[in-house]
Amino acid sequence: GKQALGLTSFPAPLSEVFCSTPPICVGRRTRNMPMRMLLVLCACAAPVPAYSDRGILKLDNTTFDRIIDGSRSVFVRFDKEYSYGEDHDAWKEYARTVGESAADLLSCDVGVSEYGDKDNADVAERFSVKTDDFPTFLLFTKGTKSSGTPLKYSGAKKSADLLRFVQEKAGAWIGLPGQIKELDELAKEIGSAADKAALITKAETIAAGSKEETAKYYVKVMAKLSADAEFITKESTRLKRMIDDGSVKANKKEQFGRRLNVLSSF
């Protein structure tokens, strides 16, 4: 009790009496208090960090099935309960970009605890996600409930790559650097268009009035794709190789990144 600690009253809240470090906390009221007891009280009074990553909805085994109901696309990351590092930073950047766009797409986290009650380990097990595979990303496209089969992401854990993946697979237009919405809509039609030449002519007209340097690239890709169904795969591989080449200048890599964004629209 209070008397056992050598204290008779608490005129101020504990958070004011006991602060984060013993040298500051020790004062007239606490100079006779055993250091071990003081440390315990300081720890109890410390604020608990909040989960506040912008644009990310935290799920657990009571909310997972309710949120992933097929009404919209949901991109889920399975990771350790308190993640950090470059992969985590890339995920936060991705989620912030999606959150600030008009895309009907949710970014969700399932934090899995490896100790104690092992929170959400049951959810990870449902989808065969192992701790050695963290972070694992699963996309539940619109129409796919939590009981369905999601698409597993296997690319680089970088914001731009994550964005291209969901834009391509979920059909959610986010508006990545270099993308032009009007031309994106035509890009999605070119594969099944009966009159590809007419579609390309329409794209040329839009490109002529655009100031974006990627506008002409849309037209080039449409023409190439009309002649070679494998062009997107070949061109994506080539651009990624150039981006990974250490001898390529930064401004050229940015240009290639914008072109990859364009390719994800087809």
C-alpha atoms as a PDB file:
ATOM      1  CA  GLY A   1       0.000   0.000   0.000  1.00  0.00           C
ATOM      2  CA  LYS A   2       0.998   3.659   0.096  1.00  0.00           C
ATOM      3  CA  GLN A   3       2.475   3.361   3.603  1.00  0.00           C
ATOM      4  CA  ALA A   4       4.667   0.425   2.563  1.00  0.00           C
ATOM      5  CA  LEU A   5       6.170   2.698  -0.055  1.00  0.00           C
ATOM      6  CA  GLY A   6       6.778   5.471   2.440  1.00  0.00           C
ATOM      7  CA  LEU A   7       4.073   7.660   0.868  1.00  0.00           C
ATOM      8  CA  THR A   8       0.984   9.067   2.578  1.00  0.00           C
ATOM      9  CA  SER A   9      -0.871  10.706  -0.299  1.00  0.00           C
ATOM     10  CA  PHE A  10      -0.839  11.362  -4.040  1.00  0.00           C
ATOM     11  CA  PRO A  11      -1.820  14.975  -4.656  1.00  0.00           C
ATOM     12  CA  ALA A  12      -0.782  14.653  -8.330  1.00  0.00           C
ATOM     13  CA  PRO A  13      -1.477  11.913 -10.902  1.00  0.00           C
ATOM     14  CA  LEU A  14       1.011   9.026 -10.990  1.00  0.00           C
ATOM     15  CA  SER A  15       2.095  10.049 -14.489  1.00  0.00           C
ATOM     16  CA  GLU A  16       3.285  13.360 -13.047  1.00  0.00           C
ATOM     17  CA  VAL A  17       4.926  11.904  -9.931  1.00  0.00           C
ATOM     18  CA  PHE A  18       6.652   9.038 -11.716  1.00  0.00           C
ATOM     19  CA  CYS A  19       8.195   9.910 -15.076  1.00  0.00           C
ATOM     20  CA  SER A  20      10.244   8.009 -17.581  1.00  0.00           C
ATOM     21  CA  THR A  21      13.674   7.900 -15.939  1.00  0.00           C
ATOM     22  CA  PRO A  22      14.587   7.320 -12.284  1.00  0.00           C
ATOM     23  CA  PRO A  23      17.008  10.295 -11.945  1.00  0.00           C
ATOM     24  CA  ILE A  24      14.174  12.689 -12.852  1.00  0.00           C
ATOM     25  CA  CYS A  25      11.569  10.834 -10.821  1.00  0.00           C
ATOM     26  CA  VAL A  26      13.561  10.756  -7.599  1.00  0.00           C
ATOM     27  CA  GLY A  27      12.550  13.725  -5.482  1.00  0.00           C
ATOM     28  CA  ARG A  28      11.362  14.596  -1.987  1.00  0.00           C
ATOM     29  CA  ARG A  29       8.507  12.090  -2.106  1.00  0.00           C
ATOM     30  CA  THR A  30      10.515   9.208  -3.557  1.00  0.00           C
ATOM     31  CA  ARG A  31      14.038   9.525  -2.201  1.00  0.00           C
ATOM     32  CA  ASN A  32      13.446   6.662   0.264  1.00  0.00           C
ATOM     33  CA  MET A  33      11.701   4.427  -2.233  1.00  0.00           C
ATOM     34  CA  PRO A  34      13.588   1.261  -3.311  1.00  0.00           C
ATOM     35  CA  MET A  35      14.862   1.739  -6.875  1.00  0.00           C
ATOM     36  CA  ARG A  36      13.325  -1.525  -8.076  1.00  0.00           C
ATOM     37  CA  MET A  37       9.861  -0.436  -6.910  1.00  0.00           C
ATOM     38  CA  LEU A  38      10.342   2.964  -8.518  1.00  0.00           C
ATOM     39  CA  LEU A  39      11.220   1.404 -11.871  1.00  0.00           C
ATOM     40  CA  VAL A  40       8.123  -0.800 -11.747  1.00  0.00           C
ATOM     41  CA  LEU A  41       5.858   2.172 -11.054  1.00  0.00           C
ATOM     42  CA  CYS A  42       7.510   4.229 -13.812  1.00  0.00           C
ATOM     43  CA  ALA A  43       6.932   1.410 -16.295  1.00  0.00           C
ATOM     44  CA  CYS A  44       3.276   1.137 -15.293  1.00  0.00           C
ATOM     45  CA  ALA A  45       2.730   4.860 -15.707  1.00  0.00           C
ATOM     46  CA  ALA A  46       4.398   5.014 -19.160  1.00  0.00           C
ATOM     47  CA  PRO A  47       2.047   5.551 -22.114  1.00  0.00           C
ATOM     48  CA  VAL A  48       1.380   2.587 -24.397  1.00  0.00           C
ATOM     49  CA  PRO A  49       2.319   3.287 -28.053  1.00  0.00           C
ATOM     50  CA  ALA A  50      -0.702   3.506 -30.333  1.00  0.00           C
ATOM     51  CA  TYR A  51      -1.148   1.794 -33.693  1.00  0.00           C
ATOM     52  CA  SER A  52      -1.357   4.801 -35.955  1.00  0.00           C
ATOM     53  CA  ASP A  53       0.020   3.970 -39.403  1.00  0.00           C
ATOM     54  CA  ARG A  54      -1.979   6.123 -41.807  1.00  0.00           C
ATOM     55  CA  GLY A  55      -4.265   4.298 -44.214  1.00  0.00           C
ATOM     56  CA  ILE A  56      -3.816   0.854 -42.627  1.00  0.00           C
ATOM     57  CA  LEU A  57      -6.701  -1.003 -40.991  1.00  0.00           C
ATOM     58  CA  LYS A  58      -5.617  -3.459 -38.318  1.00  0.00           C
ATOM     59  CA  LEU A  59      -7.444  -6.802 -38.395  1.00  0.00           C
ATOM     60  CA  ASP A  60      -7.603  -9.673 -35.932  1.00  0.00           C
ATOM     61  CA  ASN A  61      -9.374 -13.026 -35.795  1.00  0.00           C
ATOM     62  CA  THR A  62     -12.652 -11.349 -34.776  1.00  0.00           C
ATOM     63  CA  THR A  63     -12.756  -8.757 -37.575  1.00  0.00           C
ATOM     64  CA  PHE A  64     -10.984 -10.506 -40.471  1.00  0.00           C
ATOM     65  CA  ASP A  65     -14.050 -12.262 -41.896  1.00  0.00           C
ATOM     66  CA  ARG A  66     -16.276  -9.219 -41.377  1.00  0.00           C
ATOM     67  CA  ILE A  67     -14.047  -6.837 -43.312  1.00  0.00           C
ATOM     68  CA  ILE A  68     -13.117  -9.221 -46.132  1.00  0.00           C
ATOM     69  CA  ASP A  69     -16.668  -9.850 -47.323  1.00  0.00           C
ATOM     70  CA  GLY A  70     -16.172  -9.514 -51.085  1.00  0.00           C
ATOM     71  CA  SER A  71     -17.668  -6.014 -51.285  1.00  0.00           C
ATOM     72  CA  ARG A  72     -14.320  -4.463 -52.258  1.00  0.00           C
ATOM     73  CA  SER A  73     -10.695  -5.431 -52.876  1.00  0.00           C
ATOM     74  CA  VAL A  74      -8.574  -5.827 -49.743  1.00  0.00           C
ATOM     75  CA  PHE A  75      -4.762  -6.100 -49.683  1.00  0.00           C
ATOM     76  CA  VAL A  76      -3.597  -7.774 -46.469  1.00  0.00           C
ATOM     77  CA  ARG A  77      -0.137  -7.908 -44.961  1.00  0.00           C
ATOM     78  CA  PHE A  78       0.718 -10.683 -42.498  1.00  0.00           C
ATOM     79  CA  ASP A  79       3.682  -9.712 -40.351  1.00  0.00           C
ATOM     80  CA  LYS A  80       4.994  -9.858 -36.817  1.00  0.00           C
ATOM     81  CA  GLU A  81       2.927  -7.904 -34.330  1.00  0.00           C
ATOM     82  CA  TYR A  82       5.286  -4.936 -34.132  1.00  0.00           C
ATOM     83  CA  SER A  83       7.092  -4.688 -37.457  1.00  0.00           C
ATOM     84  CA  TYR A  84       9.747  -2.192 -38.486  1.00  0.00           C
ATOM     85  CA  GLY A  85      12.501  -1.660 -41.048  1.00  0.00           C
ATOM     86  CA  GLU A  86      12.595  -0.962 -44.783  1.00  0.00           C
ATOM     87  CA  ASP A  87       9.822  -3.416 -45.690  1.00  0.00           C
ATOM     88  CA  HIS A  88       7.535  -1.818 -43.115  1.00  0.00           C
ATOM     89  CA  ASP A  89       8.348   1.690 -44.337  1.00  0.00           C
ATOM     90  CA  ALA A  90       7.571   0.650 -47.921  1.00  0.00           C
ATOM     91  CA  TRP A  91       4.223  -0.787 -46.801  1.00  0.00           C
ATOM     92  CA  LYS A  92       3.351   2.427 -44.944  1.00  0.00           C
ATOM     93  CA  GLU A  93       4.180   4.497 -48.029  1.00  0.00           C
ATOM     94  CA  TYR A  94       2.061   2.190 -50.176  1.00  0.00           C
ATOM     95  CA  ALA A  95      -0.919   2.410 -47.803  1.00  0.00           C
ATOM     96  CA  ARG A  96      -0.667   6.195 -47.545  1.00  0.00           C
ATOM     97  CA  THR A  97      -0.714   6.514 -51.352  1.00  0.00           C
ATOM     98  CA  VAL A  98      -3.760   4.249 -51.681  1.00  0.00           C
ATOM     99  CA  GLY A  99      -5.507   6.027 -48.832  1.00  0.00           C
ATOM    100  CA  GLU A 100      -5.077   9.397 -50.485  1.00  0.00           C
ATOM    101  CA  SER A 101      -6.380   8.120 -53.834  1.00  0.00           C
ATOM    102  CA  ALA A 102      -9.971   7.455 -54.878  1.00  0.00           C
ATOM    103  CA  ALA A 103      -9.344   3.708 -55.236  1.00  0.00           C
ATOM    104  CA  ASP A 104     -11.969   1.444 -53.664  1.00  0.00           C
ATOM    105  CA  LEU A 105      -9.293  -0.618 -51.967  1.00  0.00           C
ATOM    106  CA  LEU A 106      -8.450  -1.348 -48.339  1.00  0.00           C
ATOM    107  CA  SER A 107      -4.946  -1.865 -46.935  1.00  0.00           C
ATOM    108  CA  CYS A 108      -4.998  -4.124 -43.879  1.00  0.00           C
ATOM    109  CA  ASP A 109      -2.573  -5.582 -41.366  1.00  0.00           C
ATOM    110  CA  VAL A 110      -2.735  -8.853 -39.483  1.00  0.00           C
ATOM    111  CA  GLY A 111      -0.147  -8.675 -36.719  1.00  0.00           C
ATOM    112  CA  VAL A 112       0.831 -12.149 -35.597  1.00  0.00           C
ATOM    113  CA  SER A 113       2.266 -12.700 -32.137  1.00  0.00           C
ATOM    114  CA  GLU A 114       4.797 -15.511 -31.748  1.00  0.00           C
ATOM    115  CA  TYR A 115       4.623 -15.555 -27.962  1.00  0.00           C
ATOM    116  CA  GLY A 116       2.069 -15.675 -25.158  1.00  0.00           C
ATOM    117  CA  ASP A 117      -1.445 -16.082 -26.530  1.00  0.00           C
ATOM    118  CA  LYS A 118      -0.073 -16.080 -30.092  1.00  0.00           C
ATOM    119  CA  ASP A 119      -2.654 -13.570 -31.290  1.00  0.00           C
ATOM    120  CA  ASN A 120      -3.855 -14.082 -34.890  1.00  0.00           C
ATOM    121  CA  ALA A 121      -1.674 -17.148 -35.398  1.00  0.00           C
ATOM    122  CA  ASP A 122      -4.902 -18.959 -36.292  1.00  0.00           C
ATOM    123  CA  VAL A 123      -5.598 -16.489 -39.126  1.00  0.00           C
ATOM    124  CA  ALA A 124      -2.084 -16.927 -40.519  1.00  0.00           C
ATOM    125  CA  GLU A 125      -2.443 -20.691 -40.348  1.00  0.00           C
ATOM    126  CA  ARG A 126      -5.673 -20.546 -42.375  1.00  0.00           C
ATOM    127  CA  PHE A 127      -3.691 -19.180 -45.309  1.00  0.00           C
ATOM    128  CA  SER A 128      -0.537 -21.245 -44.722  1.00  0.00           C
ATOM    129  CA  VAL A 129       1.465 -18.148 -43.793  1.00  0.00           C
ATOM    130  CA  LYS A 130       4.547 -19.039 -41.758  1.00  0.00           C
ATOM    131  CA  THR A 131       6.554 -16.669 -39.574  1.00  0.00           C
ATOM    132  CA  ASP A 132       9.634 -17.291 -41.733  1.00  0.00           C
ATOM    133  CA  ASP A 133       7.706 -15.833 -44.669  1.00  0.00           C
ATOM    134  CA  PHE A 134       6.885 -12.488 -42.988  1.00  0.00           C
ATOM    135  CA  PRO A 135       5.875 -10.122 -44.423  1.00  0.00           C
ATOM    136  CA  THR A 136       3.411 -11.987 -46.634  1.00  0.00           C
ATOM    137  CA  PHE A 137       0.928 -10.069 -48.806  1.00  0.00           C
ATOM    138  CA  LEU A 138      -2.422 -11.488 -49.950  1.00  0.00           C
ATOM    139  CA  LEU A 139      -4.871  -9.705 -52.244  1.00  0.00           C
ATOM    140  CA  PHE A 140      -8.573 -10.471 -51.931  1.00  0.00           C
ATOM    141  CA  THR A 141     -10.044  -8.989 -55.105  1.00  0.00           C
ATOM    142  CA  LYS A 142     -13.607  -7.665 -55.170  1.00  0.00           C
ATOM    143  CA  GLY A 143     -15.983 -10.617 -55.071  1.00  0.00           C
ATOM    144  CA  THR A 144     -13.552 -12.784 -53.101  1.00  0.00           C
ATOM    145  CA  LYS A 145     -14.580 -13.345 -49.481  1.00  0.00           C
ATOM    146  CA  SER A 146     -12.250 -14.408 -46.683  1.00  0.00           C
ATOM    147  CA  SER A 147     -13.309 -17.996 -47.373  1.00  0.00           C
ATOM    148  CA  GLY A 148     -12.045 -17.706 -50.951  1.00  0.00           C
ATOM    149  CA  THR A 149      -8.560 -17.971 -52.445  1.00  0.00           C
ATOM    150  CA  PRO A 150      -6.533 -14.739 -52.473  1.00  0.00           C
ATOM    151  CA  LEU A 151      -3.732 -13.779 -54.866  1.00  0.00           C
ATOM    152  CA  LYS A 152      -0.298 -14.009 -53.262  1.00  0.00           C
ATOM    153  CA  TYR A 153       2.151 -11.203 -53.996  1.00  0.00           C
ATOM    154  CA  SER A 154       5.679 -12.391 -54.742  1.00  0.00           C
ATOM    155  CA  GLY A 155       7.393  -9.259 -56.048  1.00  0.00           C
ATOM    156  CA  ALA A 156       9.818  -6.808 -54.482  1.00  0.00           C
ATOM    157  CA  LYS A 157       8.676  -5.350 -51.161  1.00  0.00           C
ATOM    158  CA  LYS A 158       8.801  -1.786 -52.418  1.00  0.00           C
ATOM    159  CA  SER A 159       5.981   0.736 -52.495  1.00  0.00           C
ATOM    160  CA  ALA A 160       5.996   1.202 -56.282  1.00  0.00           C
ATOM    161  CA  ASP A 161       5.905  -2.549 -56.928  1.00  0.00           C
ATOM    162  CA  LEU A 162       3.066  -3.089 -54.454  1.00  0.00           C
ATOM    163  CA  LEU A 163       1.084  -0.280 -56.085  1.00  0.00           C
ATOM    164  CA  ARG A 164       1.555  -1.678 -59.593  1.00  0.00           C
ATOM    165  CA  PHE A 165       0.453  -5.119 -58.397  1.00  0.00           C
ATOM    166  CA  VAL A 166      -2.844  -4.009 -56.842  1.00  0.00           C
ATOM    167  CA  GLN A 167      -3.601  -1.650 -59.695  1.00  0.00           C
ATOM    168  CA  GLU A 168      -3.137  -4.458 -62.205  1.00  0.00           C
ATOM    169  CA  LYS A 169      -4.783  -7.291 -60.258  1.00  0.00           C
ATOM    170  CA  ALA A 170      -7.537  -5.393 -58.441  1.00  0.00           C
ATOM    171  CA  GLY A 171      -8.312  -2.996 -61.271  1.00  0.00           C
ATOM    172  CA  ALA A 172      -8.073  -0.086 -58.850  1.00  0.00           C
ATOM    173  CA  TRP A 173      -6.912   3.123 -60.498  1.00  0.00           C
ATOM    174  CA  ILE A 174      -4.560   4.910 -58.113  1.00  0.00           C
ATOM    175  CA  GLY A 175      -2.844   7.230 -60.557  1.00  0.00           C
ATOM    176  CA  LEU A 176       0.833   6.355 -60.369  1.00  0.00           C
ATOM    177  CA  PRO A 177       3.527   8.694 -61.734  1.00  0.00           C
ATOM    178  CA  GLY A 178       3.357   8.703 -65.526  1.00  0.00           C
ATOM    179  CA  GLN A 179      -0.156   7.285 -65.766  1.00  0.00           C
ATOM    180  CA  ILE A 180      -2.890   9.143 -67.683  1.00  0.00           C
ATOM    181  CA  LYS A 181      -6.439   8.083 -66.829  1.00  0.00           C
ATOM    182  CA  GLU A 182      -7.934   8.499 -70.324  1.00  0.00           C
ATOM    183  CA  LEU A 183      -5.136   6.446 -71.858  1.00  0.00           C
ATOM    184  CA  ASP A 184      -5.333   3.887 -69.060  1.00  0.00           C
ATOM    185  CA  GLU A 185      -8.942   3.216 -70.013  1.00  0.00           C
ATOM    186  CA  LEU A 186      -7.914   2.592 -73.627  1.00  0.00           C
ATOM    187  CA  ALA A 187      -4.992   0.442 -72.504  1.00  0.00           C
ATOM    188  CA  LYS A 188      -7.374  -1.940 -70.765  1.00  0.00           C
ATOM    189  CA  GLU A 189      -9.416  -2.290 -73.973  1.00  0.00           C
ATOM    190  CA  ILE A 190      -6.617  -2.931 -76.455  1.00  0.00           C
ATOM    191  CA  GLY A 191      -6.261  -6.635 -75.685  1.00  0.00           C
ATOM    192  CA  SER A 192      -9.835  -7.524 -76.568  1.00  0.00           C
ATOM    193  CA  ALA A 193     -10.617  -4.745 -79.063  1.00  0.00           C
ATOM    194  CA  ALA A 194     -11.929  -5.907 -82.417  1.00  0.00           C
ATOM    195  CA  ASP A 195     -10.614  -2.790 -84.137  1.00  0.00           C
ATOM    196  CA  LYS A 196      -7.232  -2.140 -82.556  1.00  0.00           C
ATOM    197  CA  ALA A 197      -6.238   0.383 -85.206  1.00  0.00           C
ATOM    198  CA  ALA A 198      -9.203   2.633 -84.334  1.00  0.00           C
ATOM    199  CA  LEU A 199      -8.310   2.442 -80.653  1.00  0.00           C
ATOM    200  CA  ILE A 200      -4.691   3.379 -81.369  1.00  0.00           C
ATOM    201  CA  THR A 201      -5.840   6.349 -83.472  1.00  0.00           C
ATOM    202  CA  LYS A 202      -7.960   7.512 -80.537  1.00  0.00           C
ATOM    203  CA  ALA A 203      -4.946   7.159 -78.241  1.00  0.00           C
ATOM    204  CA  GLU A 204      -2.805   9.192 -80.641  1.00  0.00           C
ATOM    205  CA  THR A 205      -5.328  12.034 -80.501  1.00  0.00           C
ATOM    206  CA  ILE A 206      -5.270  12.073 -76.672  1.00  0.00           C
ATOM    207  CA  ALA A 207      -1.476  11.846 -76.605  1.00  0.00           C
ATOM    208  CA  ALA A 208      -1.135  14.787 -78.997  1.00  0.00           C
ATOM    209  CA  GLY A 209      -2.905  17.026 -76.523  1.00  0.00           C
ATOM    210  CA  SER A 210      -1.026  15.791 -73.447  1.00  0.00           C
ATOM    211  CA  LYS A 211       2.070  17.308 -71.874  1.00  0.00           C
ATOM    212  CA  GLU A 212       3.016  14.039 -70.153  1.00  0.00           C
ATOM    213  CA  GLU A 213       6.120  12.421 -71.639  1.00  0.00           C
ATOM    214  CA  THR A 214       4.532   8.991 -71.168  1.00  0.00           C
ATOM    215  CA  ALA A 215       1.589   9.821 -73.450  1.00  0.00           C
ATOM    216  CA  LYS A 216       3.458   8.765 -76.592  1.00  0.00           C
ATOM    217  CA  TYR A 217       4.717   5.693 -74.766  1.00  0.00           C
ATOM    218  CA  TYR A 218       1.101   4.509 -74.328  1.00  0.00           C
ATOM    219  CA  VAL A 219       0.640   4.701 -78.101  1.00  0.00           C
ATOM    220  CA  LYS A 220       3.921   2.849 -78.715  1.00  0.00           C
ATOM    221  CA  VAL A 221       2.940   0.054 -76.313  1.00  0.00           C
ATOM    222  CA  MET A 222      -0.498  -0.302 -77.914  1.00  0.00           C
ATOM    223  CA  ALA A 223       1.062  -0.649 -81.369  1.00  0.00           C
ATOM    224  CA  LYS A 224       3.663  -3.154 -80.170  1.00  0.00           C
ATOM    225  CA  LEU A 225       1.080  -5.156 -78.211  1.00  0.00           C
ATOM    226  CA  SER A 226      -1.147  -5.391 -81.286  1.00  0.00           C
ATOM    227  CA  ALA A 227       1.686  -7.147 -83.110  1.00  0.00           C
ATOM    228  CA  ASP A 228       3.135  -9.152 -80.204  1.00  0.00           C
ATOM    229  CA  ALA A 229       0.973 -10.503 -77.358  1.00  0.00           C
ATOM    230  CA  GLU A 230       4.093 -11.035 -75.213  1.00  0.00           C
ATOM    231  CA  PHE A 231       5.360  -7.456 -75.533  1.00  0.00           C
ATOM    232  CA  ILE A 232       4.259  -6.351 -72.035  1.00  0.00           C
ATOM    233  CA  THR A 233       6.166  -9.211 -70.377  1.00  0.00           C
ATOM    234  CA  LYS A 234       9.284  -8.621 -72.468  1.00  0.00           C
ATOM    235  CA  GLU A 235       9.265  -4.862 -71.967  1.00  0.00           C
ATOM    236  CA  SER A 236       8.652  -5.147 -68.195  1.00  0.00           C
ATOM    237  CA  THR A 237      11.593  -7.508 -67.858  1.00  0.00           C
ATOM    238  CA  ARG A 238      13.822  -5.158 -69.858  1.00  0.00           C
ATOM    239  CA  LEU A 239      12.881  -2.090 -67.812  1.00  0.00           C
ATOM    240  CA  LYS A 240      13.333  -3.861 -64.481  1.00  0.00           C
ATOM    241  CA  ARG A 241      16.767  -5.008 -65.593  1.00  0.00           C
ATOM    242  CA  MET A 242      17.697  -1.431 -66.471  1.00  0.00           C
ATOM    243  CA  ILE A 243      16.438  -0.129 -63.121  1.00  0.00           C
ATOM    244  CA  ASP A 244      18.564  -2.700 -61.288  1.00  0.00           C
ATOM    245  CA  ASP A 245      21.646  -1.777 -63.328  1.00  0.00           C
ATOM    246  CA  GLY A 246      23.959   0.284 -61.142  1.00  0.00           C
ATOM    247  CA  SER A 247      25.441   2.118 -64.147  1.00  0.00           C
ATOM    248  CA  VAL A 248      22.100   3.652 -65.162  1.00  0.00           C
ATOM    249  CA  LYS A 249      21.609   7.247 -64.018  1.00  0.00           C
ATOM    250  CA  ALA A 250      18.926   8.090 -61.445  1.00  0.00           C
ATOM    251  CA  ASN A 251      16.839  10.240 -63.800  1.00  0.00           C
ATOM    252  CA  LYS A 252      16.693   7.419 -66.353  1.00  0.00           C
ATOM    253  CA  LYS A 253      15.622   4.970 -63.646  1.00  0.00           C
ATOM    254  CA  GLU A 254      12.786   7.314 -62.731  1.00  0.00           C
ATOM    255  CA  GLN A 255      11.751   7.408 -66.376  1.00  0.00           C
ATOM    256  CA  PHE A 256      11.817   3.609 -66.568  1.00  0.00           C
ATOM    257  CA  GLY A 257       9.756   3.469 -63.355  1.00  0.00           C
ATOM    258  CA  ARG A 258       7.086   5.677 -64.945  1.00  0.00           C
ATOM    259  CA  ARG A 259       7.038   3.407 -67.968  1.00  0.00           C
ATOM    260  CA  LEU A 260       6.567   0.370 -65.724  1.00  0.00           C
ATOM    261  CA  ASN A 261       3.608   2.171 -64.199  1.00  0.00           C
ATOM    262  CA  VAL A 262       2.167   2.598 -67.694  1.00  0.00           C
ATOM    263  CA  LEU A 263       2.699  -1.089 -68.489  1.00  0.00           C
ATOM    264  CA  SER A 264       0.756  -2.087 -65.363  1.00  0.00           C
ATOM    265  CA  SER A 265      -2.307  -0.478 -66.959  1.00  0.00           C
ATOM    266  CA  PHE A 266      -2.440  -3.024 -69.791  1.00  0.00           C
END
